[in-house]
Amino acid sequence: MKKFVPYIFIAPAGLIIAFFMLYPLFYSFAISLFEWDLSPNMTFVGLRNYSEILSSSEFWDSMLYTAYYILGVLPFSLLIGFLIATLLNDSTMKGIGFFRMIYFLPVVTSPIAAGMGFSFLFSTELGYVNHIIASFGGEYVNWLTNPEGIFQILLNWTGITLPKVLQGPSVSLFVIILMGIWQNIGYAMVVYLAGLQNIPTTYYEAASLSGASKFQMLRKITVPLLSPTTFFLLIMFSISSFQVFGPIMVMTPDGGPLNTTSVVVFRLYREAFSYYRFGYAAAMAFVLFLFVISLTALQVRTIERTVHYE
């Protein structure tokens, strides 16, 4: 009887996981094999939904916009978070707790509320950003209604037309990327602070006695010993960036100009709740899941070998 006691204790947690995670997972996969619009009749189509997704130009466009978002948010969130953590890693600084709190506030701010704030800031007629630009003699920018890629805009004066993939995120998606960076910086800062405070000061003392400069200590001690922290943040931000939805729904509820902010999760939402193609949307969710798993596995295989755990 005693050998069953541990299973009795974990049974409540197991039932919760099974009911709220495993059952919806398998049920969603079952739905992905059907054509279903919430009517009582469900038509079995097998893998047709998956083949339609992989052959859909709209799906690959949404993957491109998602890639723009990830490539825009990831590096700047990590870099700025690291720089701020380095600056705030000084317990003798006056008001250190206040500054840490200020930088962390965006993390606990609702994406919906933040999206409304950014929509107002970047409004064409009422936004503070355009008023600042106008005060310096510039023209108002259509931040949330311009579908042109930012790299293409920078090259317009040359007359060069870039391929679609290289034109970069639209101006609308660029604003959403800025918001993503703003919300991620605080989390990166806190995690990097924890990593910095875990590095023994004896390493820096020994390096200082050897005549190493601060830049050399940063490059040879801080960055290598923070590599597990960077790797963790890289994985977490990659996964969360694939799931971006709230800011896009608030700032560009129609998918942005020419659908240039319609990332994968937003397109999934529209397929399900605008077009009532629930089987197709469920299949899209599993395709996205496979992409995320594949990217994570690739990061583990290629990047983890450079991580210093000691």
C-alpha atoms as a PDB file:
ATOM      1  CA  MET A   1       0.000   0.000   0.000  1.00  0.00           C
ATOM      2  CA  LYS A   2       2.851   2.388   0.837  1.00  0.00           C
ATOM      3  CA  LYS A   3       4.126   2.312  -2.730  1.00  0.00           C
ATOM      4  CA  PHE A   4       0.857   3.901  -3.900  1.00  0.00           C
ATOM      5  CA  VAL A   5       1.050   6.810  -1.437  1.00  0.00           C
ATOM      6  CA  PRO A   6       3.265   9.029  -3.666  1.00  0.00           C
ATOM      7  CA  TYR A   7       0.843   8.538  -6.575  1.00  0.00           C
ATOM      8  CA  ILE A   8      -2.080   9.547  -4.368  1.00  0.00           C
ATOM      9  CA  PHE A   9      -0.307  12.806  -3.523  1.00  0.00           C
ATOM     10  CA  ILE A  10       0.473  13.662  -7.139  1.00  0.00           C
ATOM     11  CA  ALA A  11      -2.951  12.558  -8.407  1.00  0.00           C
ATOM     12  CA  PRO A  12      -4.635  16.008  -7.980  1.00  0.00           C
ATOM     13  CA  ALA A  13      -1.871  17.746  -9.941  1.00  0.00           C
ATOM     14  CA  GLY A  14      -1.927  14.985 -12.539  1.00  0.00           C
ATOM     15  CA  LEU A  15      -5.693  15.324 -12.995  1.00  0.00           C
ATOM     16  CA  ILE A  16      -5.402  19.094 -13.416  1.00  0.00           C
ATOM     17  CA  ILE A  17      -2.659  18.700 -16.029  1.00  0.00           C
ATOM     18  CA  ALA A  18      -4.605  15.994 -17.840  1.00  0.00           C
ATOM     19  CA  PHE A  19      -7.870  17.968 -17.868  1.00  0.00           C
ATOM     20  CA  PHE A  20      -6.550  21.434 -18.660  1.00  0.00           C
ATOM     21  CA  MET A  21      -3.511  20.603 -20.837  1.00  0.00           C
ATOM     22  CA  LEU A  22      -3.454  17.089 -22.281  1.00  0.00           C
ATOM     23  CA  TYR A  23      -7.163  16.804 -23.123  1.00  0.00           C
ATOM     24  CA  PRO A  24      -7.294  20.190 -24.957  1.00  0.00           C
ATOM     25  CA  LEU A  25      -4.079  19.266 -26.772  1.00  0.00           C
ATOM     26  CA  PHE A  26      -5.409  15.979 -28.135  1.00  0.00           C
ATOM     27  CA  TYR A  27      -8.841  17.472 -28.800  1.00  0.00           C
ATOM     28  CA  SER A  28      -7.281  20.307 -30.802  1.00  0.00           C
ATOM     29  CA  PHE A  29      -5.311  17.839 -32.869  1.00  0.00           C
ATOM     30  CA  ALA A  30      -8.511  15.906 -33.536  1.00  0.00           C
ATOM     31  CA  ILE A  31     -10.249  19.118 -34.657  1.00  0.00           C
ATOM     32  CA  SER A  32      -7.361  19.884 -37.010  1.00  0.00           C
ATOM     33  CA  LEU A  33      -8.320  16.801 -39.033  1.00  0.00           C
ATOM     34  CA  PHE A  34     -11.826  18.128 -39.670  1.00  0.00           C
ATOM     35  CA  GLU A  35     -13.506  20.985 -41.471  1.00  0.00           C
ATOM     36  CA  TRP A  36     -15.624  22.598 -38.771  1.00  0.00           C
ATOM     37  CA  ASP A  37     -17.426  25.932 -38.451  1.00  0.00           C
ATOM     38  CA  LEU A  38     -19.025  25.245 -35.027  1.00  0.00           C
ATOM     39  CA  SER A  39     -22.046  23.662 -36.696  1.00  0.00           C
ATOM     40  CA  PRO A  40     -23.168  20.213 -35.510  1.00  0.00           C
ATOM     41  CA  ASN A  41     -21.665  18.660 -38.640  1.00  0.00           C
ATOM     42  CA  MET A  42     -17.931  18.040 -38.845  1.00  0.00           C
ATOM     43  CA  THR A  43     -16.381  16.871 -42.108  1.00  0.00           C
ATOM     44  CA  PHE A  44     -13.291  14.695 -41.868  1.00  0.00           C
ATOM     45  CA  VAL A  45     -10.594  15.976 -44.233  1.00  0.00           C
ATOM     46  CA  GLY A  46      -7.507  14.231 -42.870  1.00  0.00           C
ATOM     47  CA  LEU A  47      -4.315  16.221 -43.448  1.00  0.00           C
ATOM     48  CA  ARG A  48      -5.870  18.581 -45.998  1.00  0.00           C
ATOM     49  CA  ASN A  49      -5.801  21.500 -43.570  1.00  0.00           C
ATOM     50  CA  TYR A  50      -2.065  21.025 -43.087  1.00  0.00           C
ATOM     51  CA  SER A  51      -1.368  20.851 -46.814  1.00  0.00           C
ATOM     52  CA  GLU A  52      -3.438  24.010 -47.396  1.00  0.00           C
ATOM     53  CA  ILE A  53      -1.492  25.844 -44.710  1.00  0.00           C
ATOM     54  CA  LEU A  54       1.916  24.871 -46.081  1.00  0.00           C
ATOM     55  CA  SER A  55       0.883  25.879 -49.596  1.00  0.00           C
ATOM     56  CA  SER A  56      -0.740  29.157 -48.503  1.00  0.00           C
ATOM     57  CA  SER A  57       1.118  32.350 -49.385  1.00  0.00           C
ATOM     58  CA  GLU A  58      -0.789  34.152 -46.633  1.00  0.00           C
ATOM     59  CA  PHE A  59       0.586  31.754 -44.020  1.00  0.00           C
ATOM     60  CA  TRP A  60       4.170  32.254 -45.213  1.00  0.00           C
ATOM     61  CA  ASP A  61       3.639  36.012 -45.252  1.00  0.00           C
ATOM     62  CA  SER A  62       2.539  35.805 -41.614  1.00  0.00           C
ATOM     63  CA  MET A  63       5.644  33.730 -40.845  1.00  0.00           C
ATOM     64  CA  LEU A  64       7.775  36.430 -42.479  1.00  0.00           C
ATOM     65  CA  TYR A  65       6.160  39.137 -40.331  1.00  0.00           C
ATOM     66  CA  THR A  66       6.670  36.943 -37.257  1.00  0.00           C
ATOM     67  CA  ALA A  67      10.343  36.534 -38.192  1.00  0.00           C
ATOM     68  CA  TYR A  68      10.662  40.326 -38.521  1.00  0.00           C
ATOM     69  CA  TYR A  69       9.189  40.707 -35.051  1.00  0.00           C
ATOM     70  CA  ILE A  70      11.483  38.103 -33.496  1.00  0.00           C
ATOM     71  CA  LEU A  71      14.624  39.476 -35.166  1.00  0.00           C
ATOM     72  CA  GLY A  72      13.680  42.985 -34.080  1.00  0.00           C
ATOM     73  CA  VAL A  73      12.767  42.231 -30.480  1.00  0.00           C
ATOM     74  CA  LEU A  74      15.315  39.572 -29.482  1.00  0.00           C
ATOM     75  CA  PRO A  75      18.723  41.234 -29.907  1.00  0.00           C
ATOM     76  CA  PHE A  76      17.724  44.670 -28.647  1.00  0.00           C
ATOM     77  CA  SER A  77      15.867  43.275 -25.621  1.00  0.00           C
ATOM     78  CA  LEU A  78      18.949  41.281 -24.614  1.00  0.00           C
ATOM     79  CA  LEU A  79      21.471  44.051 -25.326  1.00  0.00           C
ATOM     80  CA  ILE A  80      19.581  46.905 -23.644  1.00  0.00           C
ATOM     81  CA  GLY A  81      18.578  44.703 -20.704  1.00  0.00           C
ATOM     82  CA  PHE A  82      22.212  43.710 -20.208  1.00  0.00           C
ATOM     83  CA  LEU A  83      23.444  47.308 -20.359  1.00  0.00           C
ATOM     84  CA  ILE A  84      20.845  48.504 -17.848  1.00  0.00           C
ATOM     85  CA  ALA A  85      21.591  45.568 -15.526  1.00  0.00           C
ATOM     86  CA  THR A  86      25.296  46.435 -15.672  1.00  0.00           C
ATOM     87  CA  LEU A  87      24.534  50.041 -14.740  1.00  0.00           C
ATOM     88  CA  LEU A  88      22.189  49.060 -11.906  1.00  0.00           C
ATOM     89  CA  ASN A  89      24.483  46.388 -10.459  1.00  0.00           C
ATOM     90  CA  ASP A  90      25.697  48.811  -7.798  1.00  0.00           C
ATOM     91  CA  SER A  91      24.080  48.504  -4.384  1.00  0.00           C
ATOM     92  CA  THR A  92      25.712  51.771  -3.247  1.00  0.00           C
ATOM     93  CA  MET A  93      23.894  53.864  -5.857  1.00  0.00           C
ATOM     94  CA  LYS A  94      21.238  56.121  -4.343  1.00  0.00           C
ATOM     95  CA  GLY A  95      17.701  55.209  -5.338  1.00  0.00           C
ATOM     96  CA  ILE A  96      18.821  51.901  -6.853  1.00  0.00           C
ATOM     97  CA  GLY A  97      15.566  50.173  -5.860  1.00  0.00           C
ATOM     98  CA  PHE A  98      13.494  52.934  -7.454  1.00  0.00           C
ATOM     99  CA  PHE A  99      15.340  52.716 -10.765  1.00  0.00           C
ATOM    100  CA  ARG A 100      15.037  48.916 -10.828  1.00  0.00           C
ATOM    101  CA  MET A 101      11.309  49.222 -10.191  1.00  0.00           C
ATOM    102  CA  ILE A 102      10.871  51.812 -12.968  1.00  0.00           C
ATOM    103  CA  TYR A 103      12.619  49.615 -15.530  1.00  0.00           C
ATOM    104  CA  PHE A 104      10.621  46.553 -14.453  1.00  0.00           C
ATOM    105  CA  LEU A 105       7.203  48.248 -14.605  1.00  0.00           C
ATOM    106  CA  PRO A 106       6.666  47.525 -18.342  1.00  0.00           C
ATOM    107  CA  VAL A 107       6.931  43.795 -17.604  1.00  0.00           C
ATOM    108  CA  VAL A 108       3.891  43.859 -15.309  1.00  0.00           C
ATOM    109  CA  THR A 109       1.961  46.285 -17.508  1.00  0.00           C
ATOM    110  CA  SER A 110      -0.926  44.689 -19.398  1.00  0.00           C
ATOM    111  CA  PRO A 111      -0.091  44.319 -23.111  1.00  0.00           C
ATOM    112  CA  ILE A 112      -3.557  45.681 -23.869  1.00  0.00           C
ATOM    113  CA  ALA A 113      -3.003  48.818 -21.777  1.00  0.00           C
ATOM    114  CA  ALA A 114       0.501  49.231 -23.196  1.00  0.00           C
ATOM    115  CA  GLY A 115      -0.845  48.828 -26.725  1.00  0.00           C
ATOM    116  CA  MET A 116      -3.416  51.559 -26.121  1.00  0.00           C
ATOM    117  CA  GLY A 117      -0.680  53.840 -24.806  1.00  0.00           C
ATOM    118  CA  PHE A 118       1.571  53.230 -27.799  1.00  0.00           C
ATOM    119  CA  SER A 119      -1.371  53.741 -30.162  1.00  0.00           C
ATOM    120  CA  PHE A 120      -1.866  57.189 -28.674  1.00  0.00           C
ATOM    121  CA  LEU A 121       1.855  58.029 -28.704  1.00  0.00           C
ATOM    122  CA  PHE A 122       2.171  57.094 -32.383  1.00  0.00           C
ATOM    123  CA  SER A 123      -1.190  58.453 -33.535  1.00  0.00           C
ATOM    124  CA  THR A 124      -0.827  60.409 -36.784  1.00  0.00           C
ATOM    125  CA  GLU A 125      -2.722  63.513 -35.672  1.00  0.00           C
ATOM    126  CA  LEU A 126      -2.682  63.394 -31.860  1.00  0.00           C
ATOM    127  CA  GLY A 127       0.466  61.424 -31.050  1.00  0.00           C
ATOM    128  CA  TYR A 128       3.295  62.987 -29.078  1.00  0.00           C
ATOM    129  CA  VAL A 129       5.888  61.407 -31.377  1.00  0.00           C
ATOM    130  CA  ASN A 130       4.605  63.275 -34.433  1.00  0.00           C
ATOM    131  CA  HIS A 131       4.323  66.498 -32.439  1.00  0.00           C
ATOM    132  CA  ILE A 132       7.992  66.165 -31.449  1.00  0.00           C
ATOM    133  CA  ILE A 133       8.950  65.505 -35.075  1.00  0.00           C
ATOM    134  CA  ALA A 134       6.917  68.524 -36.207  1.00  0.00           C
ATOM    135  CA  SER A 135       8.575  70.736 -33.588  1.00  0.00           C
ATOM    136  CA  PHE A 136      11.904  70.053 -35.333  1.00  0.00           C
ATOM    137  CA  GLY A 137      10.452  70.906 -38.731  1.00  0.00           C
ATOM    138  CA  GLY A 138       9.627  67.353 -39.824  1.00  0.00           C
ATOM    139  CA  GLU A 139       6.447  65.993 -41.355  1.00  0.00           C
ATOM    140  CA  TYR A 140       3.875  63.822 -39.652  1.00  0.00           C
ATOM    141  CA  VAL A 141       4.459  60.076 -40.096  1.00  0.00           C
ATOM    142  CA  ASN A 142       1.636  57.585 -40.609  1.00  0.00           C
ATOM    143  CA  TRP A 143       3.050  55.206 -38.036  1.00  0.00           C
ATOM    144  CA  LEU A 144       0.174  52.730 -37.835  1.00  0.00           C
ATOM    145  CA  THR A 145      -1.096  52.913 -41.427  1.00  0.00           C
ATOM    146  CA  ASN A 146       2.090  52.730 -43.511  1.00  0.00           C
ATOM    147  CA  PRO A 147       2.687  49.282 -45.087  1.00  0.00           C
ATOM    148  CA  GLU A 148       6.104  50.117 -46.559  1.00  0.00           C
ATOM    149  CA  GLY A 149       9.133  48.269 -45.170  1.00  0.00           C
ATOM    150  CA  ILE A 150      11.533  50.411 -43.146  1.00  0.00           C
ATOM    151  CA  PHE A 151      14.603  49.224 -45.079  1.00  0.00           C
ATOM    152  CA  GLN A 152      12.884  50.086 -48.341  1.00  0.00           C
ATOM    153  CA  ILE A 153      12.026  53.537 -46.990  1.00  0.00           C
ATOM    154  CA  LEU A 154      15.685  54.126 -46.131  1.00  0.00           C
ATOM    155  CA  LEU A 155      16.682  53.238 -49.710  1.00  0.00           C
ATOM    156  CA  ASN A 156      13.901  55.072 -51.562  1.00  0.00           C
ATOM    157  CA  TRP A 157      16.192  58.003 -52.326  1.00  0.00           C
ATOM    158  CA  THR A 158      18.496  55.664 -54.262  1.00  0.00           C
ATOM    159  CA  GLY A 159      15.717  54.314 -56.482  1.00  0.00           C
ATOM    160  CA  ILE A 160      16.551  50.736 -55.436  1.00  0.00           C
ATOM    161  CA  THR A 161      13.630  48.352 -54.905  1.00  0.00           C
ATOM    162  CA  LEU A 162      14.440  45.527 -52.529  1.00  0.00           C
ATOM    163  CA  PRO A 163      12.859  42.053 -52.714  1.00  0.00           C
ATOM    164  CA  LYS A 164       9.888  41.675 -50.379  1.00  0.00           C
ATOM    165  CA  VAL A 165      11.816  39.559 -47.881  1.00  0.00           C
ATOM    166  CA  LEU A 166      14.525  42.222 -47.534  1.00  0.00           C
ATOM    167  CA  GLN A 167      12.241  45.253 -47.285  1.00  0.00           C
ATOM    168  CA  GLY A 168      11.971  44.753 -43.541  1.00  0.00           C
ATOM    169  CA  PRO A 169       8.993  45.171 -41.227  1.00  0.00           C
ATOM    170  CA  SER A 170       6.380  47.736 -42.146  1.00  0.00           C
ATOM    171  CA  VAL A 171       6.318  50.999 -40.234  1.00  0.00           C
ATOM    172  CA  SER A 172       3.287  49.666 -38.335  1.00  0.00           C
ATOM    173  CA  LEU A 173       5.083  46.479 -37.330  1.00  0.00           C
ATOM    174  CA  PHE A 174       8.153  48.538 -36.418  1.00  0.00           C
ATOM    175  CA  VAL A 175       6.081  50.387 -33.782  1.00  0.00           C
ATOM    176  CA  ILE A 176       4.879  47.051 -32.388  1.00  0.00           C
ATOM    177  CA  ILE A 177       8.500  45.835 -32.283  1.00  0.00           C
ATOM    178  CA  LEU A 178       9.423  48.940 -30.262  1.00  0.00           C
ATOM    179  CA  MET A 179       6.701  48.080 -27.776  1.00  0.00           C
ATOM    180  CA  GLY A 180       7.923  44.481 -27.557  1.00  0.00           C
ATOM    181  CA  ILE A 181      11.440  45.677 -26.768  1.00  0.00           C
ATOM    182  CA  TRP A 182      10.074  48.121 -24.167  1.00  0.00           C
ATOM    183  CA  GLN A 183       8.176  45.328 -22.409  1.00  0.00           C
ATOM    184  CA  ASN A 184      11.056  42.818 -22.483  1.00  0.00           C
ATOM    185  CA  ILE A 185      13.867  45.068 -21.238  1.00  0.00           C
ATOM    186  CA  GLY A 186      12.780  44.932 -17.595  1.00  0.00           C
ATOM    187  CA  TYR A 187      12.621  41.134 -17.504  1.00  0.00           C
ATOM    188  CA  ALA A 188      16.034  40.832 -19.146  1.00  0.00           C
ATOM    189  CA  MET A 189      17.413  43.381 -16.685  1.00  0.00           C
ATOM    190  CA  VAL A 190      16.209  41.456 -13.614  1.00  0.00           C
ATOM    191  CA  VAL A 191      17.500  38.106 -14.882  1.00  0.00           C
ATOM    192  CA  TYR A 192      20.851  39.621 -15.865  1.00  0.00           C
ATOM    193  CA  LEU A 193      21.089  41.305 -12.445  1.00  0.00           C
ATOM    194  CA  ALA A 194      20.647  37.930 -10.780  1.00  0.00           C
ATOM    195  CA  GLY A 195      23.400  36.520 -12.991  1.00  0.00           C
ATOM    196  CA  LEU A 196      25.757  39.441 -12.333  1.00  0.00           C
ATOM    197  CA  GLN A 197      25.324  39.170  -8.578  1.00  0.00           C
ATOM    198  CA  ASN A 198      26.123  35.470  -8.787  1.00  0.00           C
ATOM    199  CA  ILE A 199      29.594  36.096 -10.283  1.00  0.00           C
ATOM    200  CA  PRO A 200      32.252  35.952  -7.538  1.00  0.00           C
ATOM    201  CA  THR A 201      34.011  39.302  -7.056  1.00  0.00           C
ATOM    202  CA  THR A 202      37.320  37.447  -6.642  1.00  0.00           C
ATOM    203  CA  TYR A 203      37.445  36.983 -10.428  1.00  0.00           C
ATOM    204  CA  TYR A 204      37.382  40.740 -10.977  1.00  0.00           C
ATOM    205  CA  GLU A 205      39.898  41.353  -8.194  1.00  0.00           C
ATOM    206  CA  ALA A 206      42.336  38.863  -9.689  1.00  0.00           C
ATOM    207  CA  ALA A 207      41.866  40.348 -13.167  1.00  0.00           C
ATOM    208  CA  SER A 208      42.393  43.861 -11.808  1.00  0.00           C
ATOM    209  CA  LEU A 209      45.636  42.833 -10.138  1.00  0.00           C
ATOM    210  CA  SER A 210      46.737  41.383 -13.477  1.00  0.00           C
ATOM    211  CA  GLY A 211      46.212  44.760 -15.120  1.00  0.00           C
ATOM    212  CA  ALA A 212      43.035  43.923 -17.045  1.00  0.00           C
ATOM    213  CA  SER A 213      40.897  46.866 -18.153  1.00  0.00           C
ATOM    214  CA  LYS A 214      37.164  47.077 -17.448  1.00  0.00           C
ATOM    215  CA  PHE A 215      36.396  46.234 -21.061  1.00  0.00           C
ATOM    216  CA  GLN A 216      38.643  43.160 -20.891  1.00  0.00           C
ATOM    217  CA  MET A 217      36.936  42.040 -17.670  1.00  0.00           C
ATOM    218  CA  LEU A 218      33.565  42.536 -19.338  1.00  0.00           C
ATOM    219  CA  ARG A 219      34.604  40.495 -22.372  1.00  0.00           C
ATOM    220  CA  LYS A 220      36.588  37.763 -20.604  1.00  0.00           C
ATOM    221  CA  ILE A 221      34.658  37.370 -17.319  1.00  0.00           C
ATOM    222  CA  THR A 222      31.192  38.914 -17.353  1.00  0.00           C
ATOM    223  CA  VAL A 223      29.954  37.908 -20.800  1.00  0.00           C
ATOM    224  CA  PRO A 224      31.157  34.252 -20.636  1.00  0.00           C
ATOM    225  CA  LEU A 225      29.820  33.718 -17.105  1.00  0.00           C
ATOM    226  CA  LEU A 226      26.477  35.251 -18.112  1.00  0.00           C
ATOM    227  CA  SER A 227      26.146  32.945 -21.117  1.00  0.00           C
ATOM    228  CA  PRO A 228      23.695  30.580 -19.303  1.00  0.00           C
ATOM    229  CA  THR A 229      21.545  33.626 -18.481  1.00  0.00           C
ATOM    230  CA  THR A 230      21.702  34.856 -22.069  1.00  0.00           C
ATOM    231  CA  PHE A 231      20.832  31.394 -23.360  1.00  0.00           C
ATOM    232  CA  PHE A 232      17.820  31.193 -21.040  1.00  0.00           C
ATOM    233  CA  LEU A 233      16.570  34.625 -22.103  1.00  0.00           C
ATOM    234  CA  LEU A 234      17.126  33.772 -25.756  1.00  0.00           C
ATOM    235  CA  ILE A 235      14.896  30.704 -25.472  1.00  0.00           C
ATOM    236  CA  MET A 236      12.201  32.479 -23.457  1.00  0.00           C
ATOM    237  CA  PHE A 237      12.035  35.567 -25.668  1.00  0.00           C
ATOM    238  CA  SER A 238      11.990  33.447 -28.829  1.00  0.00           C
ATOM    239  CA  ILE A 239       8.977  31.478 -27.602  1.00  0.00           C
ATOM    240  CA  SER A 240       7.111  34.542 -26.315  1.00  0.00           C
ATOM    241  CA  SER A 241       7.783  36.445 -29.561  1.00  0.00           C
ATOM    242  CA  PHE A 242       6.113  33.693 -31.561  1.00  0.00           C
ATOM    243  CA  GLN A 243       3.023  34.202 -29.383  1.00  0.00           C
ATOM    244  CA  VAL A 244       2.639  37.984 -29.751  1.00  0.00           C
ATOM    245  CA  PHE A 245      -1.024  38.892 -30.143  1.00  0.00           C
ATOM    246  CA  GLY A 246      -2.387  41.494 -27.683  1.00  0.00           C
ATOM    247  CA  PRO A 247      -0.516  44.577 -28.958  1.00  0.00           C
ATOM    248  CA  ILE A 248      -1.391  43.759 -32.569  1.00  0.00           C
ATOM    249  CA  MET A 249      -5.043  43.259 -31.709  1.00  0.00           C
ATOM    250  CA  VAL A 250      -5.144  46.658 -29.990  1.00  0.00           C
ATOM    251  CA  MET A 251      -2.938  48.735 -32.292  1.00  0.00           C
ATOM    252  CA  THR A 252      -3.862  47.222 -35.676  1.00  0.00           C
ATOM    253  CA  PRO A 253      -7.074  45.205 -35.135  1.00  0.00           C
ATOM    254  CA  ASP A 254      -7.502  44.586 -38.877  1.00  0.00           C
ATOM    255  CA  GLY A 255      -4.014  43.113 -39.270  1.00  0.00           C
ATOM    256  CA  GLY A 256      -2.371  46.392 -40.174  1.00  0.00           C
ATOM    257  CA  PRO A 257      -2.004  48.039 -43.592  1.00  0.00           C
ATOM    258  CA  LEU A 258      -1.988  45.317 -46.272  1.00  0.00           C
ATOM    259  CA  ASN A 259      -1.941  42.771 -43.412  1.00  0.00           C
ATOM    260  CA  THR A 260       1.700  43.631 -42.662  1.00  0.00           C
ATOM    261  CA  THR A 261       1.216  43.144 -38.896  1.00  0.00           C
ATOM    262  CA  SER A 262      -0.701  39.886 -39.296  1.00  0.00           C
ATOM    263  CA  VAL A 263       1.704  37.557 -37.504  1.00  0.00           C
ATOM    264  CA  VAL A 264       0.976  33.845 -37.185  1.00  0.00           C
ATOM    265  CA  VAL A 265      -1.032  33.933 -33.952  1.00  0.00           C
ATOM    266  CA  PHE A 266      -3.103  36.876 -35.168  1.00  0.00           C
ATOM    267  CA  ARG A 267      -3.845  35.070 -38.439  1.00  0.00           C
ATOM    268  CA  LEU A 268      -4.759  31.961 -36.447  1.00  0.00           C
ATOM    269  CA  TYR A 269      -7.215  34.044 -34.408  1.00  0.00           C
ATOM    270  CA  ARG A 270      -8.819  35.491 -37.534  1.00  0.00           C
ATOM    271  CA  GLU A 271      -9.153  32.088 -39.170  1.00  0.00           C
ATOM    272  CA  ALA A 272     -10.961  30.777 -36.091  1.00  0.00           C
ATOM    273  CA  PHE A 273     -13.093  33.685 -34.905  1.00  0.00           C
ATOM    274  CA  SER A 274     -13.574  35.775 -38.059  1.00  0.00           C
ATOM    275  CA  TYR A 275     -13.870  33.076 -40.729  1.00  0.00           C
ATOM    276  CA  TYR A 276     -15.031  30.227 -38.415  1.00  0.00           C
ATOM    277  CA  ARG A 277     -12.496  27.782 -39.857  1.00  0.00           C
ATOM    278  CA  PHE A 278     -11.737  26.084 -36.554  1.00  0.00           C
ATOM    279  CA  GLY A 279     -10.188  22.967 -38.041  1.00  0.00           C
ATOM    280  CA  TYR A 280      -7.851  25.059 -40.181  1.00  0.00           C
ATOM    281  CA  ALA A 281      -6.940  27.259 -37.191  1.00  0.00           C
ATOM    282  CA  ALA A 282      -6.219  24.203 -35.030  1.00  0.00           C
ATOM    283  CA  ALA A 283      -3.943  22.819 -37.730  1.00  0.00           C
ATOM    284  CA  MET A 284      -2.175  26.185 -37.921  1.00  0.00           C
ATOM    285  CA  ALA A 285      -1.617  26.053 -34.153  1.00  0.00           C
ATOM    286  CA  PHE A 286       0.111  22.680 -34.481  1.00  0.00           C
ATOM    287  CA  VAL A 287       2.244  23.883 -37.399  1.00  0.00           C
ATOM    288  CA  LEU A 288       3.312  26.848 -35.267  1.00  0.00           C
ATOM    289  CA  PHE A 289       4.032  24.473 -32.382  1.00  0.00           C
ATOM    290  CA  LEU A 290       6.326  22.425 -34.618  1.00  0.00           C
ATOM    291  CA  PHE A 291       8.129  25.582 -35.759  1.00  0.00           C
ATOM    292  CA  VAL A 292       8.698  26.682 -32.154  1.00  0.00           C
ATOM    293  CA  ILE A 293       9.914  23.235 -31.093  1.00  0.00           C
ATOM    294  CA  SER A 294      12.242  23.043 -34.099  1.00  0.00           C
ATOM    295  CA  LEU A 295      13.693  26.507 -33.457  1.00  0.00           C
ATOM    296  CA  THR A 296      14.222  25.715 -29.773  1.00  0.00           C
ATOM    297  CA  ALA A 297      15.941  22.420 -30.610  1.00  0.00           C
ATOM    298  CA  LEU A 298      18.152  24.221 -33.138  1.00  0.00           C
ATOM    299  CA  GLN A 299      19.118  26.835 -30.557  1.00  0.00           C
ATOM    300  CA  VAL A 300      19.956  24.134 -28.021  1.00  0.00           C
ATOM    301  CA  ARG A 301      22.098  22.173 -30.481  1.00  0.00           C
ATOM    302  CA  THR A 302      23.964  25.157 -31.933  1.00  0.00           C
ATOM    303  CA  ILE A 303      24.212  27.661 -29.096  1.00  0.00           C
ATOM    304  CA  GLU A 304      24.336  25.611 -25.890  1.00  0.00           C
ATOM    305  CA  ARG A 305      27.812  24.324 -26.771  1.00  0.00           C
ATOM    306  CA  THR A 306      29.098  27.912 -26.326  1.00  0.00           C
ATOM    307  CA  VAL A 307      27.516  28.271 -22.881  1.00  0.00           C
ATOM    308  CA  HIS A 308      29.846  28.266 -19.853  1.00  0.00           C
ATOM    309  CA  TYR A 309      28.126  26.751 -16.836  1.00  0.00           C
ATOM    310  CA  GLU A 310      31.110  27.114 -14.539  1.00  0.00           C
END
